[in-house]
Every structure is written in structure tokens, then in C-alpha cells.
Amino acid sequence: MDALQHRLRTLPETETLSKLQKRRQSVDGIVRDLRVQVSDLGEEQRKADADVEQVKTRRERDQGMVDSGAVADPKALERMLGELESLHRRITSLEDTELEVMERLEEAQAALEAHERELGKLDEEIATAQAARTEKVSQIEQEHSGLEGDRKTAADDLPADLVTLYEKLRAQKGGVGAAALRARECGGCRLALNNSDLGMIAKAPADEVIRCEECSRILVRTSESGL
């Protein structure tokens, strides 16, 4: 039962799921940041588009006045031609800005799409890992429940003071309160018993509680004890 609890705490599926969830949390943060970036760049592009259109409209208006001969005064015409040249340079600058914003927006959109795809893939992997972990946990819990029933049945047949002693030793000895005496050796501390000790154990009644001289665990005599 202790081994099953240890397996439950150290399932590889749990570690896999934890890593996937951490990666998803990281990618989800990146996606949120990219969505804000795409939104901001979209707004920046709309502003750049509007600026270009505004200056182009003004240029077309002035160019129309020049082409129609509506500006008769030579000095005024000269000023307007200079302004048209300035507007042309302004449009070129604004269009360069517009293109730069478009490029940044396309890069951000591509990065966003890539991370959204990764997020979808991670969700699938997490669902698979969760299902695998749930199945393993269910198997272990069923096995643990069965052993718990067996243990209760076995403990019910034992004297209460012996069960109390066993539980005390189990708490003190790393979960092992009783150990098999096999091939003249304590299964708890691996101490090899001498002939004198073995002789005394061999003569002891079957219902007498035998303790290991080295580790104090309860020694369980078996057909392989070497007595």
C-alpha cells in the first residue's frame, strides 16, 4: 500500500502534465501579449492610412487648382507648386511609415497564428495526458482499495497489542514494521543471525513475537528462514 501511494505521488504522467501546463501558461501569456500588439498595430496602421489619404486629398485639391489655372498670380502659383512638392515628400514619408507598420503587423499576426496553433496542440496533449493520468490513478486506487480490504482482514485476526507494536515500528522504521526471516537473515536490516540466535528462535513457540536484535523489527518466520 505504501508503494502504491509512492507510485501515485510520482506518476510520470503527473510530471508530463505539469510540464505541459507550464508550457501552456507561458504560451498563453505570449498569445495575450501578441493579441494586444496586433490590435495596437492595427490601430496604428489605420491612422497611417488616414494620414496618407488626408495628405493625398490635399495634394489632389491643390494640383487641381494648378491644372485648372485657377491660380493666376505668379507668386501664389509658385508657393502652391512648392507646397505640392512638400506634400509629395510628406506622402512619400507617410507611405514609408505605413509600409513599416504593415510589415510589423504582418510579423505580429504570423507570430500570433503560430502560437495559437501551439496553444491548440498543447490543449490536445494536455487532454491526452490528463486522460492517461486519470486511468493510472484509477488503477492504482482500485489496487490500493483491494489491498486495504486484505489488510483489514489480516489485522482483524491479530491481537490488538501486536498491531499497535507493528504500527509503532512501521512509523519508526521507514514503513517496514515486520520483516521476513529468510536464509538466516533479517529482511529489514539484512543482518545475518548467528547460530545461537537461530537456535533460540527455532525453539520459540509459533505464536511468540520474535524481534530482530539489530533493528527491533518483528521477525516473521517462514519455511525459508533456515531454522
C-alpha atoms as a PDB file:
ATOM      1  CA  MET A   1       0.000   0.000   0.000  1.00  0.00           C
ATOM      2  CA  ASP A   2       2.884   2.393   0.754  1.00  0.00           C
ATOM      3  CA  ALA A   3       4.473   1.502  -2.578  1.00  0.00           C
ATOM      4  CA  LEU A   4       1.215   2.273  -4.364  1.00  0.00           C
ATOM      5  CA  GLN A   5       0.972   5.632  -2.605  1.00  0.00           C
ATOM      6  CA  HIS A   6       4.537   6.372  -3.706  1.00  0.00           C
ATOM      7  CA  ARG A   7       3.646   5.426  -7.284  1.00  0.00           C
ATOM      8  CA  LEU A   8       0.642   7.709  -7.074  1.00  0.00           C
ATOM      9  CA  ARG A   9       2.829  10.631  -5.958  1.00  0.00           C
ATOM     10  CA  THR A  10       5.494  10.020  -8.596  1.00  0.00           C
ATOM     11  CA  LEU A  11       3.475   9.150 -11.694  1.00  0.00           C
ATOM     12  CA  PRO A  12       5.372  10.081 -14.893  1.00  0.00           C
ATOM     13  CA  GLU A  13       2.039  11.239 -16.292  1.00  0.00           C
ATOM     14  CA  THR A  14       1.802  13.818 -13.498  1.00  0.00           C
ATOM     15  CA  GLU A  15       5.222  15.248 -14.368  1.00  0.00           C
ATOM     16  CA  THR A  16       4.361  15.277 -18.078  1.00  0.00           C
ATOM     17  CA  LEU A  17       1.082  17.038 -17.358  1.00  0.00           C
ATOM     18  CA  SER A  18       2.812  19.595 -15.147  1.00  0.00           C
ATOM     19  CA  LYS A  19       5.366  20.424 -17.864  1.00  0.00           C
ATOM     20  CA  LEU A  20       2.637  20.748 -20.493  1.00  0.00           C
ATOM     21  CA  GLN A  21       0.574  23.014 -18.259  1.00  0.00           C
ATOM     22  CA  LYS A  22       3.578  25.243 -17.519  1.00  0.00           C
ATOM     23  CA  ARG A  23       4.342  25.493 -21.238  1.00  0.00           C
ATOM     24  CA  ARG A  24       0.706  26.287 -21.964  1.00  0.00           C
ATOM     25  CA  GLN A  25       0.715  29.016 -19.335  1.00  0.00           C
ATOM     26  CA  SER A  26       3.814  30.522 -20.946  1.00  0.00           C
ATOM     27  CA  VAL A  27       2.388  30.313 -24.482  1.00  0.00           C
ATOM     28  CA  ASP A  28      -0.948  31.694 -23.309  1.00  0.00           C
ATOM     29  CA  GLY A  29       0.870  34.752 -21.937  1.00  0.00           C
ATOM     30  CA  ILE A  30       2.668  35.207 -25.254  1.00  0.00           C
ATOM     31  CA  VAL A  31      -0.644  34.931 -27.141  1.00  0.00           C
ATOM     32  CA  ARG A  32      -2.250  37.586 -24.924  1.00  0.00           C
ATOM     33  CA  ASP A  33       0.679  39.945 -25.497  1.00  0.00           C
ATOM     34  CA  LEU A  34       0.610  39.331 -29.251  1.00  0.00           C
ATOM     35  CA  ARG A  35      -3.134  39.984 -29.446  1.00  0.00           C
ATOM     36  CA  VAL A  36      -2.602  43.354 -27.769  1.00  0.00           C
ATOM     37  CA  GLN A  37       0.308  44.044 -30.138  1.00  0.00           C
ATOM     38  CA  VAL A  38      -1.768  43.130 -33.211  1.00  0.00           C
ATOM     39  CA  SER A  39      -4.608  45.340 -32.004  1.00  0.00           C
ATOM     40  CA  ASP A  40      -2.267  48.283 -31.386  1.00  0.00           C
ATOM     41  CA  LEU A  41      -0.532  47.854 -34.747  1.00  0.00           C
ATOM     42  CA  GLY A  42      -3.908  47.589 -36.488  1.00  0.00           C
ATOM     43  CA  GLU A  43      -4.907  50.904 -34.967  1.00  0.00           C
ATOM     44  CA  GLU A  44      -1.524  52.372 -35.907  1.00  0.00           C
ATOM     45  CA  GLN A  45      -1.964  51.203 -39.497  1.00  0.00           C
ATOM     46  CA  ARG A  46      -5.455  52.700 -39.714  1.00  0.00           C
ATOM     47  CA  LYS A  47      -4.035  56.013 -38.504  1.00  0.00           C
ATOM     48  CA  ALA A  48      -1.179  55.821 -41.029  1.00  0.00           C
ATOM     49  CA  ASP A  49      -3.666  55.045 -43.822  1.00  0.00           C
ATOM     50  CA  ALA A  50      -5.823  58.007 -42.781  1.00  0.00           C
ATOM     51  CA  ASP A  51      -2.790  60.337 -42.671  1.00  0.00           C
ATOM     52  CA  VAL A  52      -1.749  59.306 -46.187  1.00  0.00           C
ATOM     53  CA  GLU A  53      -5.262  59.756 -47.552  1.00  0.00           C
ATOM     54  CA  GLN A  54      -5.613  63.159 -45.912  1.00  0.00           C
ATOM     55  CA  VAL A  55      -2.393  64.486 -47.443  1.00  0.00           C
ATOM     56  CA  LYS A  56      -3.242  62.940 -50.840  1.00  0.00           C
ATOM     57  CA  THR A  57      -6.635  64.637 -50.805  1.00  0.00           C
ATOM     58  CA  ARG A  58      -4.987  67.964 -50.115  1.00  0.00           C
ATOM     59  CA  ARG A  59      -2.433  67.398 -52.881  1.00  0.00           C
ATOM     60  CA  GLU A  60      -5.158  66.465 -55.373  1.00  0.00           C
ATOM     61  CA  ARG A  61      -7.067  69.605 -54.458  1.00  0.00           C
ATOM     62  CA  ASP A  62      -4.043  71.854 -54.931  1.00  0.00           C
ATOM     63  CA  GLN A  63      -2.974  70.034 -58.073  1.00  0.00           C
ATOM     64  CA  GLY A  64      -6.480  70.517 -59.485  1.00  0.00           C
ATOM     65  CA  MET A  65      -6.317  74.245 -58.826  1.00  0.00           C
ATOM     66  CA  VAL A  66      -2.949  74.448 -60.576  1.00  0.00           C
ATOM     67  CA  ASP A  67      -4.085  72.353 -63.550  1.00  0.00           C
ATOM     68  CA  SER A  68      -7.283  74.363 -63.973  1.00  0.00           C
ATOM     69  CA  GLY A  69      -5.424  77.686 -63.997  1.00  0.00           C
ATOM     70  CA  ALA A  70      -7.405  78.910 -61.031  1.00  0.00           C
ATOM     71  CA  VAL A  71      -4.234  80.401 -59.519  1.00  0.00           C
ATOM     72  CA  ALA A  72      -3.355  83.317 -61.758  1.00  0.00           C
ATOM     73  CA  ASP A  73      -0.949  85.164 -59.511  1.00  0.00           C
ATOM     74  CA  PRO A  74       2.644  84.004 -60.322  1.00  0.00           C
ATOM     75  CA  LYS A  75       3.840  84.263 -56.734  1.00  0.00           C
ATOM     76  CA  ALA A  76       0.822  82.405 -55.396  1.00  0.00           C
ATOM     77  CA  LEU A  77       1.326  79.789 -58.095  1.00  0.00           C
ATOM     78  CA  GLU A  78       4.979  79.431 -57.109  1.00  0.00           C
ATOM     79  CA  ARG A  79       4.020  78.985 -53.458  1.00  0.00           C
ATOM     80  CA  MET A  80       1.432  76.398 -54.399  1.00  0.00           C
ATOM     81  CA  LEU A  81       3.908  74.449 -56.541  1.00  0.00           C
ATOM     82  CA  GLY A  82       6.359  74.480 -53.628  1.00  0.00           C
ATOM     83  CA  GLU A  83       3.608  73.267 -51.361  1.00  0.00           C
ATOM     84  CA  LEU A  84       2.768  70.488 -53.815  1.00  0.00           C
ATOM     85  CA  GLU A  85       6.393  69.371 -53.779  1.00  0.00           C
ATOM     86  CA  SER A  86       6.367  69.427 -49.967  1.00  0.00           C
ATOM     87  CA  LEU A  87       3.119  67.431 -49.950  1.00  0.00           C
ATOM     88  CA  HIS A  88       4.680  64.863 -52.294  1.00  0.00           C
ATOM     89  CA  ARG A  89       7.641  64.414 -49.925  1.00  0.00           C
ATOM     90  CA  ARG A  90       5.231  64.193 -46.993  1.00  0.00           C
ATOM     91  CA  ILE A  91       3.219  61.483 -48.757  1.00  0.00           C
ATOM     92  CA  THR A  92       6.386  59.511 -49.508  1.00  0.00           C
ATOM     93  CA  SER A  93       7.408  59.679 -45.838  1.00  0.00           C
ATOM     94  CA  LEU A  94       3.943  58.700 -44.641  1.00  0.00           C
ATOM     95  CA  GLU A  95       3.789  55.785 -47.097  1.00  0.00           C
ATOM     96  CA  ASP A  96       7.167  54.541 -45.828  1.00  0.00           C
ATOM     97  CA  THR A  97       5.763  54.655 -42.285  1.00  0.00           C
ATOM     98  CA  GLU A  98       2.625  52.907 -43.493  1.00  0.00           C
ATOM     99  CA  LEU A  99       4.657  50.094 -45.074  1.00  0.00           C
ATOM    100  CA  GLU A 100       6.794  49.708 -41.958  1.00  0.00           C
ATOM    101  CA  VAL A 101       3.679  49.404 -39.783  1.00  0.00           C
ATOM    102  CA  MET A 102       2.179  46.887 -42.225  1.00  0.00           C
ATOM    103  CA  GLU A 103       5.336  44.759 -42.053  1.00  0.00           C
ATOM    104  CA  ARG A 104       5.317  44.814 -38.242  1.00  0.00           C
ATOM    105  CA  LEU A 105       1.618  43.950 -38.229  1.00  0.00           C
ATOM    106  CA  GLU A 106       2.135  41.011 -40.605  1.00  0.00           C
ATOM    107  CA  GLU A 107       5.007  39.690 -38.447  1.00  0.00           C
ATOM    108  CA  ALA A 108       2.907  40.022 -35.281  1.00  0.00           C
ATOM    109  CA  GLN A 109      -0.078  38.310 -36.940  1.00  0.00           C
ATOM    110  CA  ALA A 110       2.151  35.443 -38.155  1.00  0.00           C
ATOM    111  CA  ALA A 111       3.632  35.024 -34.666  1.00  0.00           C
ATOM    112  CA  LEU A 112       0.149  35.135 -33.139  1.00  0.00           C
ATOM    113  CA  GLU A 113      -1.173  32.462 -35.508  1.00  0.00           C
ATOM    114  CA  ALA A 114       1.854  30.229 -34.818  1.00  0.00           C
ATOM    115  CA  HIS A 115       1.440  30.493 -31.044  1.00  0.00           C
ATOM    116  CA  GLU A 116      -2.316  29.980 -31.274  1.00  0.00           C
ATOM    117  CA  ARG A 117      -1.634  26.769 -33.200  1.00  0.00           C
ATOM    118  CA  GLU A 118       0.837  25.712 -30.497  1.00  0.00           C
ATOM    119  CA  LEU A 119      -1.777  26.532 -27.863  1.00  0.00           C
ATOM    120  CA  GLY A 120      -4.293  24.277 -29.627  1.00  0.00           C
ATOM    121  CA  LYS A 121      -1.739  21.482 -29.876  1.00  0.00           C
ATOM    122  CA  LEU A 122      -0.863  21.854 -26.186  1.00  0.00           C
ATOM    123  CA  ASP A 123      -4.554  21.645 -25.259  1.00  0.00           C
ATOM    124  CA  GLU A 124      -4.784  18.338 -27.128  1.00  0.00           C
ATOM    125  CA  GLU A 125      -1.631  16.999 -25.456  1.00  0.00           C
ATOM    126  CA  ILE A 126      -2.874  18.113 -22.028  1.00  0.00           C
ATOM    127  CA  ALA A 127      -6.215  16.368 -22.590  1.00  0.00           C
ATOM    128  CA  THR A 128      -4.369  13.178 -23.595  1.00  0.00           C
ATOM    129  CA  ALA A 129      -2.023  13.393 -20.583  1.00  0.00           C
ATOM    130  CA  GLN A 130      -4.938  14.029 -18.218  1.00  0.00           C
ATOM    131  CA  ALA A 131      -6.797  11.003 -19.562  1.00  0.00           C
ATOM    132  CA  ALA A 132      -3.689   8.814 -19.175  1.00  0.00           C
ATOM    133  CA  ARG A 133      -3.102  10.078 -15.632  1.00  0.00           C
ATOM    134  CA  THR A 134      -6.746   9.565 -14.672  1.00  0.00           C
ATOM    135  CA  GLU A 135      -6.585   5.979 -15.915  1.00  0.00           C
ATOM    136  CA  LYS A 136      -3.375   5.256 -13.970  1.00  0.00           C
ATOM    137  CA  VAL A 137      -4.749   6.865 -10.814  1.00  0.00           C
ATOM    138  CA  SER A 138      -7.936   4.821 -11.094  1.00  0.00           C
ATOM    139  CA  GLN A 139      -5.949   1.590 -11.490  1.00  0.00           C
ATOM    140  CA  ILE A 140      -3.725   2.363  -8.507  1.00  0.00           C
ATOM    141  CA  GLU A 141      -6.653   3.418  -6.329  1.00  0.00           C
ATOM    142  CA  GLN A 142      -8.524   0.221  -7.163  1.00  0.00           C
ATOM    143  CA  GLU A 143      -5.466  -1.875  -6.315  1.00  0.00           C
ATOM    144  CA  HIS A 144      -4.939   0.126  -3.115  1.00  0.00           C
ATOM    145  CA  SER A 145      -8.590  -0.342  -2.129  1.00  0.00           C
ATOM    146  CA  GLY A 146      -8.288  -4.104  -2.630  1.00  0.00           C
ATOM    147  CA  LEU A 147      -5.136  -4.279  -0.516  1.00  0.00           C
ATOM    148  CA  GLU A 148      -6.759  -2.126   2.150  1.00  0.00           C
ATOM    149  CA  GLY A 149      -9.535  -4.705   2.423  1.00  0.00           C
ATOM    150  CA  ASP A 150      -6.991  -7.549   2.607  1.00  0.00           C
ATOM    151  CA  ARG A 151      -5.013  -5.685   5.263  1.00  0.00           C
ATOM    152  CA  LYS A 152      -8.095  -5.097   7.409  1.00  0.00           C
ATOM    153  CA  THR A 153      -8.997  -8.773   7.176  1.00  0.00           C
ATOM    154  CA  ALA A 154      -5.467  -9.785   8.195  1.00  0.00           C
ATOM    155  CA  ALA A 155      -5.262  -7.228  11.005  1.00  0.00           C
ATOM    156  CA  ASP A 156      -8.623  -8.305  12.438  1.00  0.00           C
ATOM    157  CA  ASP A 157      -7.099 -11.740  13.157  1.00  0.00           C
ATOM    158  CA  LEU A 158      -4.161 -10.277  15.093  1.00  0.00           C
ATOM    159  CA  PRO A 159      -4.001  -9.279  18.772  1.00  0.00           C
ATOM    160  CA  ALA A 160      -4.543  -5.560  19.273  1.00  0.00           C
ATOM    161  CA  ASP A 161      -1.231  -5.102  21.126  1.00  0.00           C
ATOM    162  CA  LEU A 162       0.667  -6.763  18.260  1.00  0.00           C
ATOM    163  CA  VAL A 163      -0.992  -4.462  15.712  1.00  0.00           C
ATOM    164  CA  THR A 164      -0.107  -1.461  17.903  1.00  0.00           C
ATOM    165  CA  LEU A 165       3.520  -2.615  18.105  1.00  0.00           C
ATOM    166  CA  TYR A 166       3.647  -3.174  14.358  1.00  0.00           C
ATOM    167  CA  GLU A 167       2.272   0.298  13.604  1.00  0.00           C
ATOM    168  CA  LYS A 168       4.744   1.891  16.021  1.00  0.00           C
ATOM    169  CA  LEU A 169       7.696   0.079  14.429  1.00  0.00           C
ATOM    170  CA  ARG A 170       6.442   0.867  10.933  1.00  0.00           C
ATOM    171  CA  ALA A 171       6.403   4.571  11.766  1.00  0.00           C
ATOM    172  CA  GLN A 172       9.937   4.360  13.191  1.00  0.00           C
ATOM    173  CA  LYS A 173      11.481   2.083  10.555  1.00  0.00           C
ATOM    174  CA  GLY A 174      10.663   3.726   7.262  1.00  0.00           C
ATOM    175  CA  GLY A 175       7.353   1.946   6.742  1.00  0.00           C
ATOM    176  CA  VAL A 176       8.635  -1.561   7.478  1.00  0.00           C
ATOM    177  CA  GLY A 177       7.498  -2.798  10.901  1.00  0.00           C
ATOM    178  CA  ALA A 178       7.875  -6.520  10.198  1.00  0.00           C
ATOM    179  CA  ALA A 179      10.390  -8.370   8.040  1.00  0.00           C
ATOM    180  CA  ALA A 180      10.710 -11.936   6.858  1.00  0.00           C
ATOM    181  CA  LEU A 181      13.461 -14.082   8.322  1.00  0.00           C
ATOM    182  CA  ARG A 182      14.789 -15.649   5.157  1.00  0.00           C
ATOM    183  CA  ALA A 183      18.005 -17.629   4.692  1.00  0.00           C
ATOM    184  CA  ARG A 184      19.046 -16.816   8.285  1.00  0.00           C
ATOM    185  CA  GLU A 185      18.852 -13.072   7.506  1.00  0.00           C
ATOM    186  CA  CYS A 186      16.540 -10.276   8.676  1.00  0.00           C
ATOM    187  CA  GLY A 187      14.727  -8.866   5.672  1.00  0.00           C
ATOM    188  CA  GLY A 188      14.633  -5.431   7.292  1.00  0.00           C
ATOM    189  CA  CYS A 189      18.236  -4.617   8.222  1.00  0.00           C
ATOM    190  CA  ARG A 190      19.879  -7.507   6.336  1.00  0.00           C
ATOM    191  CA  LEU A 191      21.641  -8.718   9.486  1.00  0.00           C
ATOM    192  CA  ALA A 192      22.692 -12.389   9.352  1.00  0.00           C
ATOM    193  CA  LEU A 193      21.687 -14.104  12.563  1.00  0.00           C
ATOM    194  CA  ASN A 194      24.192 -16.341  14.384  1.00  0.00           C
ATOM    195  CA  ASN A 195      23.541 -19.974  15.222  1.00  0.00           C
ATOM    196  CA  SER A 196      22.738 -19.202  18.865  1.00  0.00           C
ATOM    197  CA  ASP A 197      20.005 -16.709  17.948  1.00  0.00           C
ATOM    198  CA  LEU A 198      18.619 -19.030  15.305  1.00  0.00           C
ATOM    199  CA  GLY A 199      18.522 -21.850  17.844  1.00  0.00           C
ATOM    200  CA  MET A 200      16.525 -19.756  20.283  1.00  0.00           C
ATOM    201  CA  ILE A 201      14.109 -18.683  17.560  1.00  0.00           C
ATOM    202  CA  ALA A 202      13.663 -22.290  16.447  1.00  0.00           C
ATOM    203  CA  LYS A 203      12.679 -23.302  19.977  1.00  0.00           C
ATOM    204  CA  ALA A 204      10.268 -20.378  20.466  1.00  0.00           C
ATOM    205  CA  PRO A 205       6.526 -21.089  20.252  1.00  0.00           C
ATOM    206  CA  ALA A 206       4.893 -20.305  16.920  1.00  0.00           C
ATOM    207  CA  ASP A 207       2.772 -17.551  18.458  1.00  0.00           C
ATOM    208  CA  GLU A 208       5.670 -15.816  20.236  1.00  0.00           C
ATOM    209  CA  VAL A 209       6.646 -12.412  18.800  1.00  0.00           C
ATOM    210  CA  ILE A 210      10.294 -12.515  17.721  1.00  0.00           C
ATOM    211  CA  ARG A 211      12.251  -9.255  17.310  1.00  0.00           C
ATOM    212  CA  CYS A 212      15.460  -8.615  15.388  1.00  0.00           C
ATOM    213  CA  GLU A 213      18.321  -7.840  17.781  1.00  0.00           C
ATOM    214  CA  GLU A 214      19.732  -5.236  15.379  1.00  0.00           C
ATOM    215  CA  CYS A 215      16.735  -3.266  14.058  1.00  0.00           C
ATOM    216  CA  SER A 216      13.986  -4.331  16.527  1.00  0.00           C
ATOM    217  CA  ARG A 217      11.593  -5.175  13.715  1.00  0.00           C
ATOM    218  CA  ILE A 218       9.209  -8.086  14.146  1.00  0.00           C
ATOM    219  CA  LEU A 219      10.712 -11.163  12.515  1.00  0.00           C
ATOM    220  CA  VAL A 220       8.282 -13.314  10.547  1.00  0.00           C
ATOM    221  CA  ARG A 221       9.337 -16.965  10.426  1.00  0.00           C
ATOM    222  CA  THR A 222       8.831 -18.750   7.086  1.00  0.00           C
ATOM    223  CA  SER A 223       9.759 -22.080   5.548  1.00  0.00           C
ATOM    224  CA  GLU A 224      12.828 -20.324   4.088  1.00  0.00           C
ATOM    225  CA  SER A 225      14.094 -18.986   7.398  1.00  0.00           C
ATOM    226  CA  GLY A 226      16.830 -21.624   7.699  1.00  0.00           C
ATOM    227  CA  LEU A 227      15.865 -22.687  11.194  1.00  0.00           C
END
